[in-house]
Amino acid sequence: MARVPIVELGNTKLKLSKLGYGTYDFGTSSLDISPEKGGQILVESYKLGINFWDTSDDYGSHPHVASALKHMPRKEVVISTKTFANNSKEAEESLKSSLTELNTDYIDIFLLHFVKSNWINRCQKVLKGLKNLKATGIVEVVGLSTHSVDVVKKASQFEELDIIMAICCNANQAVMNRFQKHIPLEDGSIDEMLHALRLAHKKGKGIIAMKVLGDGASPLVSNYQLAIKAVSKLDFVDAMVIGMQNLDEVKKNVNVLAST
């Protein structure tokens, strides 16, 4: 079976699969995906070329990632996790907790989660604190995730920031407006977001696309091949994260990227 391309993430030294496994669904109680089952899915996804696993301290999927790590060398995968911490002390505490829950001694990518436009200026102080942690080796790169065009524009100026994870999908503004709940852009238009991400990438920031299928937005899901291919062809997007519930979804998405 075809495999996912390996790419470089901005100006960092990280090399990861173009497709990242979004583990949000693993923590959804209604799906009843145990850590052991989720771990098995992640291991199988790795065999298909996905070495990038994305989680967060609020997803409930850290145990699933930890379960997968029992069956493979830690250095073989790139793990991204996030925190809603509001200051440096909270961020460090969240990081320590995540290390324990993931059963690892370092995090490849540590992001401030869902940064809104009214917090972007204050979050720079937190990023400065996280940058100091990079020297200890427990964090490789730091950044933020956001739904805001304004945040992307301002964050791209931060020397302390390595990575931006943001909404990036193949939807026109009419679809964005119709499916706002599924593609919750905080401000600006999708065209403005793409422009802001392009400029951030030119400044050397690693760009990770999220909401590629819009959390179930029907126009994107029903044409998932086109949705994924369109984002993968953007020269300013290094990688993308897509939430997947099972191995069948993994194989479908891998086939799309492998054939791009």
C-alpha atoms as a PDB file:
ATOM      1  CA  MET A   1       0.000   0.000   0.000  1.00  0.00           C
ATOM      2  CA  ALA A   2       1.149   3.555  -0.750  1.00  0.00           C
ATOM      3  CA  ARG A   3       2.656   5.572   2.088  1.00  0.00           C
ATOM      4  CA  VAL A   4       2.350   9.150   3.263  1.00  0.00           C
ATOM      5  CA  PRO A   5       5.147  11.559   2.244  1.00  0.00           C
ATOM      6  CA  ILE A   6       7.590  12.724   4.931  1.00  0.00           C
ATOM      7  CA  VAL A   7       8.094  16.500   5.072  1.00  0.00           C
ATOM      8  CA  GLU A   8      10.121  19.094   6.945  1.00  0.00           C
ATOM      9  CA  LEU A   9       8.232  21.354   9.345  1.00  0.00           C
ATOM     10  CA  GLY A  10       9.128  24.975   8.679  1.00  0.00           C
ATOM     11  CA  ASN A  11      12.600  25.914   9.880  1.00  0.00           C
ATOM     12  CA  THR A  12      12.563  23.257  12.594  1.00  0.00           C
ATOM     13  CA  LYS A  13      14.567  20.068  12.361  1.00  0.00           C
ATOM     14  CA  LEU A  14      11.446  17.928  12.648  1.00  0.00           C
ATOM     15  CA  LYS A  15      10.565  15.544   9.848  1.00  0.00           C
ATOM     16  CA  LEU A  16       7.061  14.178   9.972  1.00  0.00           C
ATOM     17  CA  SER A  17       4.363  12.649   7.820  1.00  0.00           C
ATOM     18  CA  LYS A  18       2.325  15.033   5.682  1.00  0.00           C
ATOM     19  CA  LEU A  19      -0.766  13.538   7.326  1.00  0.00           C
ATOM     20  CA  GLY A  20      -1.056  13.695  11.094  1.00  0.00           C
ATOM     21  CA  TYR A  21      -3.391  11.508  13.122  1.00  0.00           C
ATOM     22  CA  GLY A  22      -5.830  13.682  15.062  1.00  0.00           C
ATOM     23  CA  THR A  23      -6.720  11.720  18.207  1.00  0.00           C
ATOM     24  CA  TYR A  24      -9.632  13.836  19.474  1.00  0.00           C
ATOM     25  CA  ASP A  25     -12.182  11.083  18.787  1.00  0.00           C
ATOM     26  CA  PHE A  26     -10.273   8.591  20.940  1.00  0.00           C
ATOM     27  CA  GLY A  27     -11.343  10.533  23.995  1.00  0.00           C
ATOM     28  CA  THR A  28     -15.023  10.684  23.008  1.00  0.00           C
ATOM     29  CA  SER A  29     -16.867   8.482  25.504  1.00  0.00           C
ATOM     30  CA  SER A  30     -19.698   7.609  23.106  1.00  0.00           C
ATOM     31  CA  LEU A  31     -17.249   5.912  20.739  1.00  0.00           C
ATOM     32  CA  ASP A  32     -15.874   3.669  23.500  1.00  0.00           C
ATOM     33  CA  ILE A  33     -12.347   3.492  22.085  1.00  0.00           C
ATOM     34  CA  SER A  34     -10.132   2.057  24.822  1.00  0.00           C
ATOM     35  CA  PRO A  35      -6.491   3.120  25.173  1.00  0.00           C
ATOM     36  CA  GLU A  36      -5.463  -0.349  23.987  1.00  0.00           C
ATOM     37  CA  LYS A  37      -7.672  -0.175  20.886  1.00  0.00           C
ATOM     38  CA  GLY A  38      -6.613   3.381  20.109  1.00  0.00           C
ATOM     39  CA  GLY A  39      -3.000   2.415  20.582  1.00  0.00           C
ATOM     40  CA  GLN A  40      -3.357  -0.448  18.118  1.00  0.00           C
ATOM     41  CA  ILE A  41      -4.878   1.910  15.537  1.00  0.00           C
ATOM     42  CA  LEU A  42      -1.978   4.341  15.964  1.00  0.00           C
ATOM     43  CA  VAL A  43       0.586   1.565  15.561  1.00  0.00           C
ATOM     44  CA  GLU A  44      -1.131   0.379  12.375  1.00  0.00           C
ATOM     45  CA  SER A  45      -1.301   3.952  11.092  1.00  0.00           C
ATOM     46  CA  TYR A  46       2.443   4.225  11.668  1.00  0.00           C
ATOM     47  CA  LYS A  47       2.960   1.176   9.477  1.00  0.00           C
ATOM     48  CA  LEU A  48       1.107   3.072   6.742  1.00  0.00           C
ATOM     49  CA  GLY A  49       3.495   6.001   7.079  1.00  0.00           C
ATOM     50  CA  ILE A  50       1.806   8.240   9.672  1.00  0.00           C
ATOM     51  CA  ASN A  51       4.491   9.091  12.210  1.00  0.00           C
ATOM     52  CA  PHE A  52       2.780  12.303  13.414  1.00  0.00           C
ATOM     53  CA  TRP A  53       0.226  11.982  16.216  1.00  0.00           C
ATOM     54  CA  ASP A  54      -1.671  15.002  17.491  1.00  0.00           C
ATOM     55  CA  THR A  55      -3.309  15.140  20.911  1.00  0.00           C
ATOM     56  CA  SER A  56      -4.084  17.627  23.702  1.00  0.00           C
ATOM     57  CA  ASP A  57      -4.334  17.711  27.472  1.00  0.00           C
ATOM     58  CA  ASP A  58      -8.124  18.039  27.163  1.00  0.00           C
ATOM     59  CA  TYR A  59      -8.797  15.344  24.541  1.00  0.00           C
ATOM     60  CA  GLY A  60      -8.551  12.395  26.891  1.00  0.00           C
ATOM     61  CA  SER A  61      -6.374  10.600  24.342  1.00  0.00           C
ATOM     62  CA  HIS A  62      -2.987  10.774  26.065  1.00  0.00           C
ATOM     63  CA  PRO A  63      -3.468   7.189  27.378  1.00  0.00           C
ATOM     64  CA  HIS A  64      -4.104   5.979  23.814  1.00  0.00           C
ATOM     65  CA  VAL A  65      -0.855   7.513  22.598  1.00  0.00           C
ATOM     66  CA  ALA A  66       0.986   6.084  25.618  1.00  0.00           C
ATOM     67  CA  SER A  67      -0.437   2.665  24.800  1.00  0.00           C
ATOM     68  CA  ALA A  68       0.905   2.880  21.246  1.00  0.00           C
ATOM     69  CA  LEU A  69       4.355   3.912  22.455  1.00  0.00           C
ATOM     70  CA  LYS A  70       4.666   0.616  24.308  1.00  0.00           C
ATOM     71  CA  HIS A  71       4.979  -1.107  20.941  1.00  0.00           C
ATOM     72  CA  MET A  72       7.497   1.085  19.146  1.00  0.00           C
ATOM     73  CA  PRO A  73      10.604   3.221  19.682  1.00  0.00           C
ATOM     74  CA  ARG A  74       9.712   6.724  20.902  1.00  0.00           C
ATOM     75  CA  LYS A  75      12.076   8.364  18.387  1.00  0.00           C
ATOM     76  CA  GLU A  76      10.085   6.924  15.486  1.00  0.00           C
ATOM     77  CA  VAL A  77       7.093   9.240  16.030  1.00  0.00           C
ATOM     78  CA  VAL A  78       6.436  12.975  16.327  1.00  0.00           C
ATOM     79  CA  ILE A  79       3.970  13.803  19.092  1.00  0.00           C
ATOM     80  CA  SER A  80       2.119  17.078  19.324  1.00  0.00           C
ATOM     81  CA  THR A  81       0.130  18.034  22.390  1.00  0.00           C
ATOM     82  CA  LYS A  82      -1.534  21.247  23.548  1.00  0.00           C
ATOM     83  CA  THR A  83      -2.525  23.207  26.622  1.00  0.00           C
ATOM     84  CA  PHE A  84      -5.073  25.872  27.560  1.00  0.00           C
ATOM     85  CA  ALA A  85      -2.579  27.313  30.068  1.00  0.00           C
ATOM     86  CA  ASN A  86      -2.892  31.054  30.635  1.00  0.00           C
ATOM     87  CA  ASN A  87       0.594  31.681  31.976  1.00  0.00           C
ATOM     88  CA  SER A  88       4.070  30.168  32.052  1.00  0.00           C
ATOM     89  CA  LYS A  89       3.578  28.382  35.366  1.00  0.00           C
ATOM     90  CA  GLU A  90       0.389  26.703  34.173  1.00  0.00           C
ATOM     91  CA  ALA A  91       2.072  25.782  30.885  1.00  0.00           C
ATOM     92  CA  GLU A  92       4.969  24.087  32.694  1.00  0.00           C
ATOM     93  CA  GLU A  93       2.573  22.212  34.961  1.00  0.00           C
ATOM     94  CA  SER A  94       0.540  21.075  31.961  1.00  0.00           C
ATOM     95  CA  LEU A  95       3.700  19.965  30.189  1.00  0.00           C
ATOM     96  CA  LYS A  96       4.838  17.892  33.171  1.00  0.00           C
ATOM     97  CA  SER A  97       1.398  16.301  33.438  1.00  0.00           C
ATOM     98  CA  SER A  98       1.364  15.518  29.712  1.00  0.00           C
ATOM     99  CA  LEU A  99       4.790  13.897  29.916  1.00  0.00           C
ATOM    100  CA  THR A 100       3.504  11.629  32.661  1.00  0.00           C
ATOM    101  CA  GLU A 101       0.260  10.753  30.878  1.00  0.00           C
ATOM    102  CA  LEU A 102       2.055  10.077  27.600  1.00  0.00           C
ATOM    103  CA  ASN A 103       4.787   8.124  29.404  1.00  0.00           C
ATOM    104  CA  THR A 104       7.538   9.928  27.530  1.00  0.00           C
ATOM    105  CA  ASP A 105      10.446  12.121  28.588  1.00  0.00           C
ATOM    106  CA  TYR A 106      10.005  14.713  25.831  1.00  0.00           C
ATOM    107  CA  ILE A 107       7.365  16.324  23.619  1.00  0.00           C
ATOM    108  CA  ASP A 108       8.163  17.078  19.993  1.00  0.00           C
ATOM    109  CA  ILE A 109       5.573  19.838  19.529  1.00  0.00           C
ATOM    110  CA  PHE A 110       3.966  21.752  22.418  1.00  0.00           C
ATOM    111  CA  LEU A 111       1.219  24.214  21.491  1.00  0.00           C
ATOM    112  CA  LEU A 112      -0.866  26.805  23.266  1.00  0.00           C
ATOM    113  CA  HIS A 113      -4.366  25.617  22.430  1.00  0.00           C
ATOM    114  CA  PHE A 114      -7.106  27.586  20.645  1.00  0.00           C
ATOM    115  CA  VAL A 115      -5.519  31.015  21.047  1.00  0.00           C
ATOM    116  CA  LYS A 116      -8.103  33.755  20.447  1.00  0.00           C
ATOM    117  CA  SER A 117      -7.444  37.239  19.153  1.00  0.00           C
ATOM    118  CA  ASN A 118      -8.021  38.849  22.548  1.00  0.00           C
ATOM    119  CA  TRP A 119      -5.167  36.843  24.066  1.00  0.00           C
ATOM    120  CA  ILE A 120      -2.491  36.888  21.393  1.00  0.00           C
ATOM    121  CA  ASN A 121      -0.409  39.689  22.920  1.00  0.00           C
ATOM    122  CA  ARG A 122      -0.345  38.103  26.392  1.00  0.00           C
ATOM    123  CA  CYS A 123       0.411  34.624  25.075  1.00  0.00           C
ATOM    124  CA  GLN A 124       3.775  35.807  23.765  1.00  0.00           C
ATOM    125  CA  LYS A 125       5.040  35.841  27.359  1.00  0.00           C
ATOM    126  CA  VAL A 126       4.026  32.205  27.732  1.00  0.00           C
ATOM    127  CA  LEU A 127       5.812  31.313  24.504  1.00  0.00           C
ATOM    128  CA  LYS A 128       8.960  32.984  25.799  1.00  0.00           C
ATOM    129  CA  GLY A 129       8.799  30.774  28.863  1.00  0.00           C
ATOM    130  CA  LEU A 130       8.310  27.680  26.741  1.00  0.00           C
ATOM    131  CA  LYS A 131      11.264  28.643  24.576  1.00  0.00           C
ATOM    132  CA  ASN A 132      13.466  28.403  27.666  1.00  0.00           C
ATOM    133  CA  LEU A 133      12.240  24.839  28.175  1.00  0.00           C
ATOM    134  CA  LYS A 134      13.556  23.897  24.739  1.00  0.00           C
ATOM    135  CA  ALA A 135      17.072  24.163  26.107  1.00  0.00           C
ATOM    136  CA  THR A 136      16.281  21.364  28.583  1.00  0.00           C
ATOM    137  CA  GLY A 137      15.353  18.935  25.809  1.00  0.00           C
ATOM    138  CA  ILE A 138      11.853  18.147  27.080  1.00  0.00           C
ATOM    139  CA  VAL A 139      10.307  20.214  24.273  1.00  0.00           C
ATOM    140  CA  GLU A 140      11.529  20.293  20.681  1.00  0.00           C
ATOM    141  CA  VAL A 141       9.410  23.099  19.188  1.00  0.00           C
ATOM    142  CA  VAL A 142       6.640  25.381  20.462  1.00  0.00           C
ATOM    143  CA  GLY A 143       3.748  27.266  18.944  1.00  0.00           C
ATOM    144  CA  LEU A 144      -0.005  27.675  19.025  1.00  0.00           C
ATOM    145  CA  SER A 145      -3.251  26.538  17.455  1.00  0.00           C
ATOM    146  CA  THR A 146      -5.885  29.058  16.456  1.00  0.00           C
ATOM    147  CA  HIS A 147      -9.076  29.779  14.519  1.00  0.00           C
ATOM    148  CA  SER A 148      -8.140  33.439  14.069  1.00  0.00           C
ATOM    149  CA  VAL A 149      -6.632  35.252  11.095  1.00  0.00           C
ATOM    150  CA  ASP A 150      -5.503  38.068  13.396  1.00  0.00           C
ATOM    151  CA  VAL A 151      -3.667  35.605  15.630  1.00  0.00           C
ATOM    152  CA  VAL A 152      -1.835  34.079  12.665  1.00  0.00           C
ATOM    153  CA  LYS A 153      -0.749  37.524  11.473  1.00  0.00           C
ATOM    154  CA  LYS A 154       0.575  38.594  14.874  1.00  0.00           C
ATOM    155  CA  ALA A 155       2.040  35.234  15.884  1.00  0.00           C
ATOM    156  CA  SER A 156       4.093  35.056  12.704  1.00  0.00           C
ATOM    157  CA  GLN A 157       6.080  38.000  14.094  1.00  0.00           C
ATOM    158  CA  PHE A 158       6.999  36.171  17.305  1.00  0.00           C
ATOM    159  CA  GLU A 159      10.612  35.015  17.361  1.00  0.00           C
ATOM    160  CA  GLU A 160       9.707  32.586  20.168  1.00  0.00           C
ATOM    161  CA  LEU A 161       7.182  30.702  18.031  1.00  0.00           C
ATOM    162  CA  ASP A 162       8.093  27.820  15.714  1.00  0.00           C
ATOM    163  CA  ILE A 163       4.704  26.380  14.696  1.00  0.00           C
ATOM    164  CA  ILE A 164       1.219  27.584  13.802  1.00  0.00           C
ATOM    165  CA  MET A 165      -1.669  25.140  13.575  1.00  0.00           C
ATOM    166  CA  ALA A 166      -4.717  26.824  12.065  1.00  0.00           C
ATOM    167  CA  ILE A 167      -7.955  26.339  10.161  1.00  0.00           C
ATOM    168  CA  CYS A 168      -7.116  25.652   6.537  1.00  0.00           C
ATOM    169  CA  CYS A 169      -9.582  23.992   4.187  1.00  0.00           C
ATOM    170  CA  ASN A 170     -10.853  23.913   0.625  1.00  0.00           C
ATOM    171  CA  ALA A 171     -14.094  25.802   1.244  1.00  0.00           C
ATOM    172  CA  ASN A 172     -15.373  29.019  -0.273  1.00  0.00           C
ATOM    173  CA  GLN A 173     -16.834  31.686   1.971  1.00  0.00           C
ATOM    174  CA  ALA A 174     -20.410  30.568   1.289  1.00  0.00           C
ATOM    175  CA  VAL A 175     -19.592  27.115   2.664  1.00  0.00           C
ATOM    176  CA  MET A 176     -17.720  28.689   5.572  1.00  0.00           C
ATOM    177  CA  ASN A 177     -20.764  30.770   6.464  1.00  0.00           C
ATOM    178  CA  ARG A 178     -23.184  27.864   6.090  1.00  0.00           C
ATOM    179  CA  PHE A 179     -21.092  25.491   8.199  1.00  0.00           C
ATOM    180  CA  GLN A 180     -19.707  27.955  10.711  1.00  0.00           C
ATOM    181  CA  LYS A 181     -20.246  25.503  13.563  1.00  0.00           C
ATOM    182  CA  HIS A 182     -18.084  22.932  11.767  1.00  0.00           C
ATOM    183  CA  ILE A 183     -15.485  25.404  10.457  1.00  0.00           C
ATOM    184  CA  PRO A 184     -15.412  28.000  13.257  1.00  0.00           C
ATOM    185  CA  LEU A 185     -13.249  30.760  11.832  1.00  0.00           C
ATOM    186  CA  GLU A 186     -13.061  33.431  14.533  1.00  0.00           C
ATOM    187  CA  ASP A 187     -12.399  36.412  12.287  1.00  0.00           C
ATOM    188  CA  GLY A 188     -11.595  37.290   8.694  1.00  0.00           C
ATOM    189  CA  SER A 189     -12.300  35.162   5.639  1.00  0.00           C
ATOM    190  CA  ILE A 190     -10.839  31.858   4.526  1.00  0.00           C
ATOM    191  CA  ASP A 191      -8.920  33.693   1.785  1.00  0.00           C
ATOM    192  CA  GLU A 192      -7.439  36.018   4.398  1.00  0.00           C
ATOM    193  CA  MET A 193      -6.463  33.021   6.503  1.00  0.00           C
ATOM    194  CA  LEU A 194      -4.676  31.368   3.608  1.00  0.00           C
ATOM    195  CA  HIS A 195      -2.845  34.617   2.851  1.00  0.00           C
ATOM    196  CA  ALA A 196      -1.790  35.001   6.503  1.00  0.00           C
ATOM    197  CA  LEU A 197      -0.515  31.409   6.620  1.00  0.00           C
ATOM    198  CA  ARG A 198       1.464  31.940   3.429  1.00  0.00           C
ATOM    199  CA  LEU A 199       3.191  34.980   4.936  1.00  0.00           C
ATOM    200  CA  ALA A 200       3.882  33.117   8.182  1.00  0.00           C
ATOM    201  CA  HIS A 201       5.472  30.270   6.250  1.00  0.00           C
ATOM    202  CA  LYS A 202       7.696  32.722   4.389  1.00  0.00           C
ATOM    203  CA  LYS A 203       8.963  33.832   7.786  1.00  0.00           C
ATOM    204  CA  GLY A 204      10.032  30.249   8.493  1.00  0.00           C
ATOM    205  CA  LYS A 205       7.121  29.178  10.687  1.00  0.00           C
ATOM    206  CA  GLY A 206       5.983  25.585  10.372  1.00  0.00           C
ATOM    207  CA  ILE A 207       2.362  25.461   9.200  1.00  0.00           C
ATOM    208  CA  ILE A 208      -0.012  22.655  10.138  1.00  0.00           C
ATOM    209  CA  ALA A 209      -3.509  22.703   8.648  1.00  0.00           C
ATOM    210  CA  MET A 210      -6.484  21.651  10.759  1.00  0.00           C
ATOM    211  CA  LYS A 211     -10.248  21.426  10.107  1.00  0.00           C
ATOM    212  CA  VAL A 212      -9.318  20.099   6.655  1.00  0.00           C
ATOM    213  CA  LEU A 213     -12.638  18.231   6.614  1.00  0.00           C
ATOM    214  CA  GLY A 214     -14.303  20.824   8.795  1.00  0.00           C
ATOM    215  CA  ASP A 215     -15.350  18.636  11.731  1.00  0.00           C
ATOM    216  CA  GLY A 216     -17.843  16.849   9.539  1.00  0.00           C
ATOM    217  CA  ALA A 217     -18.913  19.676   7.194  1.00  0.00           C
ATOM    218  CA  SER A 218     -20.796  17.718   4.530  1.00  0.00           C
ATOM    219  CA  PRO A 219     -19.391  19.523   1.447  1.00  0.00           C
ATOM    220  CA  LEU A 220     -15.869  18.657   2.577  1.00  0.00           C
ATOM    221  CA  VAL A 221     -16.536  15.155   3.885  1.00  0.00           C
ATOM    222  CA  SER A 222     -18.514  14.055   0.826  1.00  0.00           C
ATOM    223  CA  ASN A 223     -15.621  15.207  -1.367  1.00  0.00           C
ATOM    224  CA  TYR A 224     -12.851  14.302   1.057  1.00  0.00           C
ATOM    225  CA  GLN A 225     -10.414  13.350  -1.707  1.00  0.00           C
ATOM    226  CA  LEU A 226     -10.644  16.814  -3.235  1.00  0.00           C
ATOM    227  CA  ALA A 227     -10.592  18.497   0.187  1.00  0.00           C
ATOM    228  CA  ILE A 228      -7.393  16.720   1.234  1.00  0.00           C
ATOM    229  CA  LYS A 229      -5.624  17.065  -2.108  1.00  0.00           C
ATOM    230  CA  ALA A 230      -6.387  20.780  -2.314  1.00  0.00           C
ATOM    231  CA  VAL A 231      -4.788  21.490   1.059  1.00  0.00           C
ATOM    232  CA  SER A 232      -1.846  19.156   0.411  1.00  0.00           C
ATOM    233  CA  LYS A 233      -0.973  21.131  -2.723  1.00  0.00           C
ATOM    234  CA  LEU A 234      -0.686  24.437  -0.885  1.00  0.00           C
ATOM    235  CA  ASP A 235       3.025  25.198  -0.891  1.00  0.00           C
ATOM    236  CA  PHE A 236       2.829  26.986   2.454  1.00  0.00           C
ATOM    237  CA  VAL A 237       1.261  24.057   4.315  1.00  0.00           C
ATOM    238  CA  ASP A 238       3.838  21.611   5.658  1.00  0.00           C
ATOM    239  CA  ALA A 239       1.450  19.057   7.167  1.00  0.00           C
ATOM    240  CA  MET A 240      -2.175  18.544   8.111  1.00  0.00           C
ATOM    241  CA  VAL A 241      -4.017  16.942  11.006  1.00  0.00           C
ATOM    242  CA  ILE A 242      -7.224  15.007  10.376  1.00  0.00           C
ATOM    243  CA  GLY A 243      -9.293  13.364  13.070  1.00  0.00           C
ATOM    244  CA  MET A 244      -9.812   9.658  12.388  1.00  0.00           C
ATOM    245  CA  GLN A 245     -11.830   7.094  14.330  1.00  0.00           C
ATOM    246  CA  ASN A 246     -10.656   3.836  12.822  1.00  0.00           C
ATOM    247  CA  LEU A 247      -8.194   2.181  10.477  1.00  0.00           C
ATOM    248  CA  ASP A 248     -10.557   2.296   7.504  1.00  0.00           C
ATOM    249  CA  GLU A 249     -10.582   6.092   7.656  1.00  0.00           C
ATOM    250  CA  VAL A 250      -6.809   6.067   7.975  1.00  0.00           C
ATOM    251  CA  LYS A 251      -6.381   3.946   4.845  1.00  0.00           C
ATOM    252  CA  LYS A 252      -8.729   6.168   2.814  1.00  0.00           C
ATOM    253  CA  ASN A 253      -6.885   9.332   3.774  1.00  0.00           C
ATOM    254  CA  VAL A 254      -3.458   7.769   3.284  1.00  0.00           C
ATOM    255  CA  ASN A 255      -4.432   6.694  -0.237  1.00  0.00           C
ATOM    256  CA  VAL A 256      -5.462  10.247  -1.101  1.00  0.00           C
ATOM    257  CA  LEU A 257      -2.190  11.794   0.064  1.00  0.00           C
ATOM    258  CA  ALA A 258      -0.039   9.030  -1.365  1.00  0.00           C
ATOM    259  CA  SER A 259      -1.538   9.607  -4.803  1.00  0.00           C
ATOM    260  CA  THR A 260      -1.185  13.406  -4.749  1.00  0.00           C
END
